[in-house]
Amino acid sequence: MMGGTCLGGIGGVGPALAFLGSVGLAGVAALLYAARQSGRAAPAETVGGAPSDTARAILRERFARGEIDRAEYEERRTALSGAGPHWP
């Protein structure tokens, strides 16, 4: 018999298993973090406090689908541009 234990002792398999286990856990944690971050929406970009182009694009789409009429479209477009009266 060699005098060492199966999973412990200096030069045994224990330190290698502990290292591989910690690397595996770190890998799983990194994958979970990446999966969570990929599901989050990007923040809306603003320039000088003005709404992003996304709001204008949605407004144009609603007008094109006929959900809002020209008067409402013009009113909302003016409000989004920062000119004229603002909505509360």
PDB file of N, CA and C in Angstrom:
ATOM      1  N   MET A   1       0.840  -1.171   0.000  1.00  0.00           N
ATOM      2  CA  MET A   1       0.000   0.000   0.000  1.00  0.00           C
ATOM      3  C   MET A   1       0.889   1.241   0.000  1.00  0.00           C
ATOM      4  N   MET A   2       0.443   2.314  -0.620  1.00  0.00           N
ATOM      5  CA  MET A   2       1.264   3.488  -0.783  1.00  0.00           C
ATOM      6  C   MET A   2       1.150   4.465   0.373  1.00  0.00           C
ATOM      7  N   GLY A   3       0.181   4.341   1.215  1.00  0.00           N
ATOM      8  CA  GLY A   3       0.079   5.177   2.398  1.00  0.00           C
ATOM      9  C   GLY A   3      -0.786   6.412   2.233  1.00  0.00           C
ATOM     10  N   GLY A   4      -1.283   6.726   1.080  1.00  0.00           N
ATOM     11  CA  GLY A   4      -2.126   7.902   0.866  1.00  0.00           C
ATOM     12  C   GLY A   4      -3.600   7.518   0.862  1.00  0.00           C
ATOM     13  N   THR A   5      -4.450   8.507   0.986  1.00  0.00           N
ATOM     14  CA  THR A   5      -5.882   8.238   0.902  1.00  0.00           C
ATOM     15  C   THR A   5      -6.332   8.409  -0.536  1.00  0.00           C
ATOM     16  N   CYS A   6      -7.497   7.918  -0.807  1.00  0.00           N
ATOM     17  CA  CYS A   6      -7.988   7.931  -2.187  1.00  0.00           C
ATOM     18  C   CYS A   6      -8.230   9.342  -2.706  1.00  0.00           C
ATOM     19  N   LEU A   7      -8.879  10.195  -1.912  1.00  0.00           N
ATOM     20  CA  LEU A   7      -9.239  11.534  -2.398  1.00  0.00           C
ATOM     21  C   LEU A   7      -8.523  12.661  -1.669  1.00  0.00           C
ATOM     22  N   GLY A   8      -7.639  12.387  -0.779  1.00  0.00           N
ATOM     23  CA  GLY A   8      -7.016  13.455  -0.019  1.00  0.00           C
ATOM     24  C   GLY A   8      -5.524  13.315   0.024  1.00  0.00           C
ATOM     25  N   GLY A   9      -4.915  14.153   0.806  1.00  0.00           N
ATOM     26  CA  GLY A   9      -3.476  14.096   0.960  1.00  0.00           C
ATOM     27  C   GLY A   9      -2.758  14.893  -0.101  1.00  0.00           C
ATOM     28  N   ILE A  10      -1.502  15.130   0.152  1.00  0.00           N
ATOM     29  CA  ILE A  10      -0.684  15.895  -0.788  1.00  0.00           C
ATOM     30  C   ILE A  10      -0.435  15.044  -2.027  1.00  0.00           C
ATOM     31  N   GLY A  11      -0.676  15.588  -3.156  1.00  0.00           N
ATOM     32  CA  GLY A  11      -0.466  14.892  -4.408  1.00  0.00           C
ATOM     33  C   GLY A  11      -1.585  13.948  -4.777  1.00  0.00           C
ATOM     34  N   GLY A  12      -2.663  13.954  -4.018  1.00  0.00           N
ATOM     35  CA  GLY A  12      -3.786  13.070  -4.318  1.00  0.00           C
ATOM     36  C   GLY A  12      -4.704  13.671  -5.373  1.00  0.00           C
ATOM     37  N   VAL A  13      -5.839  13.042  -5.532  1.00  0.00           N
ATOM     38  CA  VAL A  13      -6.818  13.473  -6.516  1.00  0.00           C
ATOM     39  C   VAL A  13      -7.707  14.591  -5.970  1.00  0.00           C
ATOM     40  N   GLY A  14      -7.761  14.750  -4.665  1.00  0.00           N
ATOM     41  CA  GLY A  14      -8.640  15.725  -4.025  1.00  0.00           C
ATOM     42  C   GLY A  14      -8.471  17.146  -4.506  1.00  0.00           C
ATOM     43  N   PRO A  15      -7.243  17.680  -4.522  1.00  0.00           N
ATOM     44  CA  PRO A  15      -7.076  19.058  -4.985  1.00  0.00           C
ATOM     45  C   PRO A  15      -7.505  19.249  -6.446  1.00  0.00           C
ATOM     46  N   ALA A  16      -7.259  18.273  -7.274  1.00  0.00           N
ATOM     47  CA  ALA A  16      -7.654  18.375  -8.679  1.00  0.00           C
ATOM     48  C   ALA A  16      -9.170  18.388  -8.806  1.00  0.00           C
ATOM     49  N   LEU A  17      -9.845  17.537  -8.039  1.00  0.00           N
ATOM     50  CA  LEU A  17     -11.307  17.517  -8.074  1.00  0.00           C
ATOM     51  C   LEU A  17     -11.897  18.829  -7.546  1.00  0.00           C
ATOM     52  N   ALA A  18     -11.304  19.368  -6.505  1.00  0.00           N
ATOM     53  CA  ALA A  18     -11.785  20.642  -5.964  1.00  0.00           C
ATOM     54  C   ALA A  18     -11.620  21.757  -6.989  1.00  0.00           C
ATOM     55  N   PHE A  19     -10.483  21.783  -7.671  1.00  0.00           N
ATOM     56  CA  PHE A  19     -10.248  22.800  -8.689  1.00  0.00           C
ATOM     57  C   PHE A  19     -11.230  22.665  -9.846  1.00  0.00           C
ATOM     58  N   LEU A  20     -11.411  21.457 -10.343  1.00  0.00           N
ATOM     59  CA  LEU A  20     -12.340  21.245 -11.455  1.00  0.00           C
ATOM     60  C   LEU A  20     -13.777  21.573 -11.044  1.00  0.00           C
ATOM     61  N   GLY A  21     -14.138  21.261  -9.815  1.00  0.00           N
ATOM     62  CA  GLY A  21     -15.481  21.602  -9.325  1.00  0.00           C
ATOM     63  C   GLY A  21     -15.702  23.103  -9.267  1.00  0.00           C
ATOM     64  N   SER A  22     -14.686  23.849  -8.785  1.00  0.00           N
ATOM     65  CA  SER A  22     -14.839  25.303  -8.705  1.00  0.00           C
ATOM     66  C   SER A  22     -14.877  25.930 -10.096  1.00  0.00           C
ATOM     67  N   VAL A  23     -14.093  25.391 -11.037  1.00  0.00           N
ATOM     68  CA  VAL A  23     -14.136  25.891 -12.410  1.00  0.00           C
ATOM     69  C   VAL A  23     -15.515  25.614 -13.016  1.00  0.00           C
ATOM     70  N   GLY A  24     -16.061  24.446 -12.750  1.00  0.00           N
ATOM     71  CA  GLY A  24     -17.395  24.107 -13.253  1.00  0.00           C
ATOM     72  C   GLY A  24     -18.472  25.021 -12.699  1.00  0.00           C
ATOM     73  N   LEU A  25     -18.405  25.294 -11.396  1.00  0.00           N
ATOM     74  CA  LEU A  25     -19.386  26.201 -10.780  1.00  0.00           C
ATOM     75  C   LEU A  25     -19.256  27.613 -11.342  1.00  0.00           C
ATOM     76  N   ALA A  26     -18.032  28.052 -11.545  1.00  0.00           N
ATOM     77  CA  ALA A  26     -17.835  29.389 -12.117  1.00  0.00           C
ATOM     78  C   ALA A  26     -18.393  29.438 -13.540  1.00  0.00           C
ATOM     79  N   GLY A  27     -18.231  28.377 -14.286  1.00  0.00           N
ATOM     80  CA  GLY A  27     -18.772  28.326 -15.646  1.00  0.00           C
ATOM     81  C   GLY A  27     -20.282  28.385 -15.666  1.00  0.00           C
ATOM     82  N   VAL A  28     -20.907  27.637 -14.767  1.00  0.00           N
ATOM     83  CA  VAL A  28     -22.374  27.643 -14.679  1.00  0.00           C
ATOM     84  C   VAL A  28     -22.862  29.030 -14.275  1.00  0.00           C
ATOM     85  N   ALA A  29     -22.178  29.648 -13.317  1.00  0.00           N
ATOM     86  CA  ALA A  29     -22.569  30.992 -12.883  1.00  0.00           C
ATOM     87  C   ALA A  29     -22.440  31.990 -14.036  1.00  0.00           C
ATOM     88  N   ALA A  30     -21.381  31.876 -14.827  1.00  0.00           N
ATOM     89  CA  ALA A  30     -21.201  32.782 -15.963  1.00  0.00           C
ATOM     90  C   ALA A  30     -22.294  32.586 -17.007  1.00  0.00           C
ATOM     91  N   LEU A  31     -22.671  31.341 -17.260  1.00  0.00           N
ATOM     92  CA  LEU A  31     -23.752  31.074 -18.219  1.00  0.00           C
ATOM     93  C   LEU A  31     -25.088  31.635 -17.727  1.00  0.00           C
ATOM     94  N   LEU A  32     -25.371  31.467 -16.445  1.00  0.00           N
ATOM     95  CA  LEU A  32     -26.623  32.008 -15.894  1.00  0.00           C
ATOM     96  C   LEU A  32     -26.639  33.534 -15.967  1.00  0.00           C
ATOM     97  N   TYR A  33     -25.516  34.153 -15.663  1.00  0.00           N
ATOM     98  CA  TYR A  33     -25.427  35.611 -15.743  1.00  0.00           C
ATOM     99  C   TYR A  33     -25.650  36.095 -17.179  1.00  0.00           C
ATOM    100  N   ALA A  34     -25.006  35.431 -18.139  1.00  0.00           N
ATOM    101  CA  ALA A  34     -25.156  35.816 -19.541  1.00  0.00           C
ATOM    102  C   ALA A  34     -26.593  35.632 -20.013  1.00  0.00           C
ATOM    103  N   ALA A  35     -27.241  34.567 -19.574  1.00  0.00           N
ATOM    104  CA  ALA A  35     -28.630  34.323 -19.968  1.00  0.00           C
ATOM    105  C   ALA A  35     -29.544  35.403 -19.407  1.00  0.00           C
ATOM    106  N   ARG A  36     -29.301  35.816 -18.181  1.00  0.00           N
ATOM    107  CA  ARG A  36     -30.121  36.881 -17.579  1.00  0.00           C
ATOM    108  C   ARG A  36     -29.922  38.203 -18.282  1.00  0.00           C
ATOM    109  N   GLN A  37     -28.684  38.527 -18.608  1.00  0.00           N
ATOM    110  CA  GLN A  37     -28.394  39.805 -19.247  1.00  0.00           C
ATOM    111  C   GLN A  37     -28.955  39.868 -20.663  1.00  0.00           C
ATOM    112  N   SER A  38     -28.981  38.757 -21.364  1.00  0.00           N
ATOM    113  CA  SER A  38     -29.473  38.770 -22.740  1.00  0.00           C
ATOM    114  C   SER A  38     -30.977  38.979 -22.802  1.00  0.00           C
ATOM    115  N   GLY A  39     -31.691  38.675 -21.742  1.00  0.00           N
ATOM    116  CA  GLY A  39     -33.132  38.837 -21.719  1.00  0.00           C
ATOM    117  C   GLY A  39     -33.591  40.232 -21.352  1.00  0.00           C
ATOM    118  N   ARG A  40     -32.680  41.074 -20.934  1.00  0.00           N
ATOM    119  CA  ARG A  40     -33.061  42.431 -20.523  1.00  0.00           C
ATOM    120  C   ARG A  40     -33.143  43.352 -21.727  1.00  0.00           C
ATOM    121  N   ALA A  41     -34.093  44.261 -21.676  1.00  0.00           N
ATOM    122  CA  ALA A  41     -34.259  45.229 -22.761  1.00  0.00           C
ATOM    123  C   ALA A  41     -33.203  46.320 -22.628  1.00  0.00           C
ATOM    124  N   ALA A  42     -32.751  46.791 -23.734  1.00  0.00           N
ATOM    125  CA  ALA A  42     -31.791  47.889 -23.737  1.00  0.00           C
ATOM    126  C   ALA A  42     -32.512  49.170 -23.337  1.00  0.00           C
ATOM    127  N   PRO A  43     -31.870  50.033 -22.583  1.00  0.00           N
ATOM    128  CA  PRO A  43     -32.513  51.287 -22.200  1.00  0.00           C
ATOM    129  C   PRO A  43     -32.757  52.168 -23.411  1.00  0.00           C
ATOM    130  N   ALA A  44     -33.847  52.912 -23.357  1.00  0.00           N
ATOM    131  CA  ALA A  44     -34.169  53.830 -24.452  1.00  0.00           C
ATOM    132  C   ALA A  44     -33.143  54.949 -24.480  1.00  0.00           C
ATOM    133  N   GLU A  45     -32.657  55.256 -25.649  1.00  0.00           N
ATOM    134  CA  GLU A  45     -31.667  56.313 -25.776  1.00  0.00           C
ATOM    135  C   GLU A  45     -32.373  57.662 -25.844  1.00  0.00           C
ATOM    136  N   THR A  46     -31.791  58.624 -25.204  1.00  0.00           N
ATOM    137  CA  THR A  46     -32.330  59.974 -25.259  1.00  0.00           C
ATOM    138  C   THR A  46     -31.197  60.927 -25.613  1.00  0.00           C
ATOM    139  N   VAL A  47     -31.558  62.002 -26.270  1.00  0.00           N
ATOM    140  CA  VAL A  47     -30.592  63.028 -26.613  1.00  0.00           C
ATOM    141  C   VAL A  47     -31.114  64.328 -26.045  1.00  0.00           C
ATOM    142  N   GLY A  48     -30.464  64.831 -25.036  1.00  0.00           N
ATOM    143  CA  GLY A  48     -30.886  66.089 -24.427  1.00  0.00           C
ATOM    144  C   GLY A  48     -32.281  66.020 -23.835  1.00  0.00           C
ATOM    145  N   GLY A  49     -32.697  64.870 -23.347  1.00  0.00           N
ATOM    146  CA  GLY A  49     -34.002  64.719 -22.740  1.00  0.00           C
ATOM    147  C   GLY A  49     -35.116  64.441 -23.730  1.00  0.00           C
ATOM    148  N   ALA A  50     -34.828  64.429 -25.031  1.00  0.00           N
ATOM    149  CA  ALA A  50     -35.850  64.150 -26.045  1.00  0.00           C
ATOM    150  C   ALA A  50     -36.090  62.648 -26.127  1.00  0.00           C
ATOM    151  N   PRO A  51     -37.312  62.227 -26.426  1.00  0.00           N
ATOM    152  CA  PRO A  51     -37.583  60.798 -26.552  1.00  0.00           C
ATOM    153  C   PRO A  51     -36.786  60.192 -27.701  1.00  0.00           C
ATOM    154  N   SER A  52     -36.590  58.913 -27.620  1.00  0.00           N
ATOM    155  CA  SER A  52     -35.811  58.232 -28.656  1.00  0.00           C
ATOM    156  C   SER A  52     -36.622  58.117 -29.941  1.00  0.00           C
ATOM    157  N   ASP A  53     -35.948  57.691 -30.982  1.00  0.00           N
ATOM    158  CA  ASP A  53     -36.614  57.480 -32.268  1.00  0.00           C
ATOM    159  C   ASP A  53     -37.608  56.328 -32.197  1.00  0.00           C
ATOM    160  N   THR A  54     -37.485  55.482 -31.185  1.00  0.00           N
ATOM    161  CA  THR A  54     -38.405  54.361 -31.033  1.00  0.00           C
ATOM    162  C   THR A  54     -39.836  54.856 -30.849  1.00  0.00           C
ATOM    163  N   ALA A  55     -40.016  55.892 -30.051  1.00  0.00           N
ATOM    164  CA  ALA A  55     -41.361  56.433 -29.824  1.00  0.00           C
ATOM    165  C   ALA A  55     -41.952  56.985 -31.116  1.00  0.00           C
ATOM    166  N   ARG A  56     -41.125  57.650 -31.890  1.00  0.00           N
ATOM    167  CA  ARG A  56     -41.605  58.195 -33.168  1.00  0.00           C
ATOM    168  C   ARG A  56     -41.951  57.069 -34.146  1.00  0.00           C
ATOM    169  N   ALA A  57     -41.156  56.010 -34.138  1.00  0.00           N
ATOM    170  CA  ALA A  57     -41.420  54.875 -35.022  1.00  0.00           C
ATOM    171  C   ALA A  57     -42.742  54.201 -34.652  1.00  0.00           C
ATOM    172  N   ILE A  58     -42.997  54.049 -33.369  1.00  0.00           N
ATOM    173  CA  ILE A  58     -44.266  53.452 -32.927  1.00  0.00           C
ATOM    174  C   ILE A  58     -45.423  54.335 -33.339  1.00  0.00           C
ATOM    175  N   LEU A  59     -45.259  55.651 -33.195  1.00  0.00           N
ATOM    176  CA  LEU A  59     -46.303  56.587 -33.589  1.00  0.00           C
ATOM    177  C   LEU A  59     -46.599  56.475 -35.083  1.00  0.00           C
ATOM    178  N   ARG A  60     -45.546  56.417 -35.900  1.00  0.00           N
ATOM    179  CA  ARG A  60     -45.747  56.265 -37.343  1.00  0.00           C
ATOM    180  C   ARG A  60     -46.459  54.960 -37.684  1.00  0.00           C
ATOM    181  N   GLU A  61     -46.093  53.877 -36.989  1.00  0.00           N
ATOM    182  CA  GLU A  61     -46.739  52.582 -37.229  1.00  0.00           C
ATOM    183  C   GLU A  61     -48.220  52.626 -36.863  1.00  0.00           C
ATOM    184  N   ARG A  62     -48.547  53.261 -35.738  1.00  0.00           N
ATOM    185  CA  ARG A  62     -49.950  53.351 -35.330  1.00  0.00           C
ATOM    186  C   ARG A  62     -50.759  54.167 -36.341  1.00  0.00           C
ATOM    187  N   PHE A  63     -50.150  55.231 -36.860  1.00  0.00           N
ATOM    188  CA  PHE A  63     -50.833  56.037 -37.865  1.00  0.00           C
ATOM    189  C   PHE A  63     -51.015  55.229 -39.150  1.00  0.00           C
ATOM    190  N   ALA A  64     -49.989  54.500 -39.546  1.00  0.00           N
ATOM    191  CA  ALA A  64     -50.061  53.697 -40.767  1.00  0.00           C
ATOM    192  C   ALA A  64     -51.107  52.584 -40.656  1.00  0.00           C
ATOM    193  N   ARG A  65     -51.285  52.027 -39.467  1.00  0.00           N
ATOM    194  CA  ARG A  65     -52.291  50.971 -39.280  1.00  0.00           C
ATOM    195  C   ARG A  65     -53.700  51.532 -39.135  1.00  0.00           C
ATOM    196  N   GLY A  66     -53.819  52.853 -39.006  1.00  0.00           N
ATOM    197  CA  GLY A  66     -55.133  53.464 -38.865  1.00  0.00           C
ATOM    198  C   GLY A  66     -55.643  53.493 -37.435  1.00  0.00           C
ATOM    199  N   GLU A  67     -54.771  53.244 -36.471  1.00  0.00           N
ATOM    200  CA  GLU A  67     -55.183  53.265 -35.067  1.00  0.00           C
ATOM    201  C   GLU A  67     -55.441  54.683 -34.577  1.00  0.00           C
ATOM    202  N   ILE A  68     -54.754  55.662 -35.167  1.00  0.00           N
ATOM    203  CA  ILE A  68     -54.955  57.062 -34.812  1.00  0.00           C
ATOM    204  C   ILE A  68     -55.133  57.864 -36.096  1.00  0.00           C
ATOM    205  N   ASP A  69     -55.867  58.993 -35.978  1.00  0.00           N
ATOM    206  CA  ASP A  69     -56.088  59.819 -37.167  1.00  0.00           C
ATOM    207  C   ASP A  69     -54.965  60.859 -37.305  1.00  0.00           C
ATOM    208  N   ARG A  70     -55.035  61.639 -38.390  1.00  0.00           N
ATOM    209  CA  ARG A  70     -53.967  62.594 -38.678  1.00  0.00           C
ATOM    210  C   ARG A  70     -53.829  63.639 -37.575  1.00  0.00           C
ATOM    211  N   ALA A  71     -54.938  64.130 -37.043  1.00  0.00           N
ATOM    212  CA  ALA A  71     -54.873  65.156 -36.009  1.00  0.00           C
ATOM    213  C   ALA A  71     -54.152  64.629 -34.761  1.00  0.00           C
ATOM    214  N   GLU A  72     -54.495  63.431 -34.343  1.00  0.00           N
ATOM    215  CA  GLU A  72     -53.845  62.857 -33.167  1.00  0.00           C
ATOM    216  C   GLU A  72     -52.366  62.573 -33.460  1.00  0.00           C
ATOM    217  N   TYR A  73     -52.085  62.100 -34.666  1.00  0.00           N
ATOM    218  CA  TYR A  73     -50.701  61.848 -35.060  1.00  0.00           C
ATOM    219  C   TYR A  73     -49.878  63.131 -34.974  1.00  0.00           C
ATOM    220  N   GLU A  74     -50.410  64.219 -35.549  1.00  0.00           N
ATOM    221  CA  GLU A  74     -49.680  65.496 -35.549  1.00  0.00           C
ATOM    222  C   GLU A  74     -49.485  66.012 -34.125  1.00  0.00           C
ATOM    223  N   GLU A  75     -50.522  65.884 -33.293  1.00  0.00           N
ATOM    224  CA  GLU A  75     -50.428  66.351 -31.909  1.00  0.00           C
ATOM    225  C   GLU A  75     -49.348  65.588 -31.150  1.00  0.00           C
ATOM    226  N   ARG A  76     -49.348  64.282 -31.289  1.00  0.00           N
ATOM    227  CA  ARG A  76     -48.360  63.460 -30.570  1.00  0.00           C
ATOM    228  C   ARG A  76     -46.950  63.659 -31.133  1.00  0.00           C
ATOM    229  N   ARG A  77     -46.846  63.834 -32.439  1.00  0.00           N
ATOM    230  CA  ARG A  77     -45.538  64.063 -33.048  1.00  0.00           C
ATOM    231  C   ARG A  77     -44.961  65.382 -32.547  1.00  0.00           C
ATOM    232  N   THR A  78     -45.816  66.406 -32.441  1.00  0.00           N
ATOM    233  CA  THR A  78     -45.372  67.697 -31.921  1.00  0.00           C
ATOM    234  C   THR A  78     -44.914  67.555 -30.476  1.00  0.00           C
ATOM    235  N   ALA A  79     -45.678  66.797 -29.685  1.00  0.00           N
ATOM    236  CA  ALA A  79     -45.301  66.607 -28.281  1.00  0.00           C
ATOM    237  C   ALA A  79     -43.975  65.857 -28.162  1.00  0.00           C
ATOM    238  N   LEU A  80     -43.752  64.885 -29.030  1.00  0.00           N
ATOM    239  CA  LEU A  80     -42.500  64.120 -28.989  1.00  0.00           C
ATOM    240  C   LEU A  80     -41.308  64.968 -29.429  1.00  0.00           C
ATOM    241  N   SER A  81     -41.541  65.930 -30.288  1.00  0.00           N
ATOM    242  CA  SER A  81     -40.436  66.758 -30.764  1.00  0.00           C
ATOM    243  C   SER A  81     -40.024  67.793 -29.730  1.00  0.00           C
ATOM    244  N   GLY A  82     -40.834  67.975 -28.711  1.00  0.00           N
ATOM    245  CA  GLY A  82     -40.498  68.933 -27.654  1.00  0.00           C
ATOM    246  C   GLY A  82     -41.060  70.304 -27.899  1.00  0.00           C
ATOM    247  N   ALA A  83     -41.729  70.520 -29.011  1.00  0.00           N
ATOM    248  CA  ALA A  83     -42.316  71.835 -29.309  1.00  0.00           C
ATOM    249  C   ALA A  83     -43.788  71.807 -28.914  1.00  0.00           C
ATOM    250  N   GLY A  84     -44.301  72.932 -28.561  1.00  0.00           N
ATOM    251  CA  GLY A  84     -45.726  73.043 -28.254  1.00  0.00           C
ATOM    252  C   GLY A  84     -46.060  72.512 -26.866  1.00  0.00           C
ATOM    253  N   PRO A  85     -47.353  72.348 -26.594  1.00  0.00           N
ATOM    254  CA  PRO A  85     -47.780  71.926 -25.251  1.00  0.00           C
ATOM    255  C   PRO A  85     -47.347  70.485 -24.981  1.00  0.00           C
ATOM    256  N   HIS A  86     -47.035  70.214 -23.725  1.00  0.00           N
ATOM    257  CA  HIS A  86     -46.599  68.879 -23.310  1.00  0.00           C
ATOM    258  C   HIS A  86     -47.722  68.168 -22.591  1.00  0.00           C
ATOM    259  N   TRP A  87     -47.708  66.873 -22.697  1.00  0.00           N
ATOM    260  CA  TRP A  87     -48.682  66.079 -21.952  1.00  0.00           C
ATOM    261  C   TRP A  87     -48.263  66.003 -20.506  1.00  0.00           C
ATOM    262  N   PRO A  88     -49.236  65.907 -19.633  1.00  0.00           N
ATOM    263  CA  PRO A  88     -48.890  65.811 -18.206  1.00  0.00           C
ATOM    264  C   PRO A  88     -48.193  64.529 -17.881  1.00  0.00           C
TER     265      PRO A  88
END
